[in-house]
Amino acid sequence: MSAPIRWQKASFSGGNGENCVEVGRQNDSIVLRESGDPAWVITTTPAKLAAFIKGVKAGEFDHFAD
């Protein structure tokens, strides 16, 4: 049996917790979910998440937040 997932959200998501994406680790995978609909979980690898974070830091996805 695996340990429960310890979810983490960004401090930028606001105080009510309904406007964020949460990230956790499950075994060797990274799991993501939207706080407003926590039943839907996306699974990826640490390497793929690292590549995505680099793209976010480089501004590659800024047009989605307009």
Protein backbone atom coordinates (compact mmCIF):
# COMPACT_ATOMS: atom_id res chain seq x y z
CA MET A 1 0.00 0.00 0.00
CA SER A 2 1.40 3.40 -0.93
CA ALA A 3 1.61 6.33 1.46
CA PRO A 4 -0.98 9.09 1.16
CA ILE A 5 -0.06 11.88 -1.25
CA ARG A 6 1.13 15.08 0.41
CA TRP A 7 -0.29 17.77 -1.86
CA GLN A 8 1.44 21.14 -2.21
CA LYS A 9 0.08 24.30 -3.78
CA ALA A 10 1.73 27.56 -4.73
CA SER A 11 1.55 30.47 -2.33
CA PHE A 12 0.35 32.55 -5.30
CA SER A 13 -2.93 30.62 -5.50
CA GLY A 14 -4.75 32.73 -2.92
CA GLY A 15 -6.08 32.01 0.55
CA ASN A 16 -9.29 30.13 -0.24
CA GLY A 17 -7.56 27.21 -1.98
CA GLU A 18 -10.06 26.96 -4.83
CA ASN A 19 -7.86 28.69 -7.42
CA CYS A 20 -4.81 26.49 -7.67
CA VAL A 21 -3.09 23.47 -9.09
CA GLU A 22 -1.68 21.11 -6.48
CA VAL A 23 1.39 18.94 -6.97
CA GLY A 24 2.48 15.81 -5.13
CA ARG A 25 4.66 12.74 -5.44
CA GLN A 26 3.39 9.18 -5.64
CA ASN A 27 6.15 6.59 -5.74
CA ASP A 28 8.36 7.61 -8.71
CA SER A 29 5.70 9.79 -10.36
CA ILE A 30 4.59 13.38 -10.03
CA VAL A 31 0.84 13.90 -9.67
CA LEU A 32 -1.09 17.11 -10.33
CA ARG A 33 -4.69 18.08 -9.67
CA GLU A 34 -6.87 21.16 -9.74
CA SER A 35 -8.14 22.12 -6.30
CA GLY A 36 -11.64 22.79 -7.65
CA ASP A 37 -11.94 19.22 -8.99
CA PRO A 38 -9.51 17.06 -6.97
CA ALA A 39 -10.85 13.74 -8.29
CA TRP A 40 -9.05 14.29 -11.63
CA VAL A 41 -5.35 13.57 -11.24
CA ILE A 42 -2.67 13.86 -13.93
CA THR A 43 0.46 11.73 -13.62
CA THR A 44 3.83 12.59 -15.12
CA THR A 45 7.54 12.06 -14.55
CA PRO A 46 9.94 14.33 -12.66
CA ALA A 47 11.87 14.97 -15.92
CA LYS A 48 8.74 16.06 -17.81
CA LEU A 49 7.66 18.32 -14.95
CA ALA A 50 11.16 19.86 -14.84
CA ALA A 51 10.97 20.61 -18.58
CA PHE A 52 7.55 22.21 -18.13
CA ILE A 53 8.75 24.35 -15.21
CA LYS A 54 11.70 25.56 -17.30
CA GLY A 55 9.24 26.58 -20.02
CA VAL A 56 7.08 28.44 -17.50
CA LYS A 57 10.11 30.28 -16.12
CA ALA A 58 11.15 31.20 -19.66
CA GLY A 59 7.71 32.73 -20.33
CA GLU A 60 6.68 30.20 -22.99
CA PHE A 61 3.16 29.88 -21.55
CA ASP A 62 2.47 33.50 -20.57
CA HIS A 63 -0.06 33.89 -23.39
CA PHE A 64 -2.35 31.38 -21.65
CA ALA A 65 -2.65 33.64 -18.58
CA ASP A 66 -3.83 36.72 -20.48
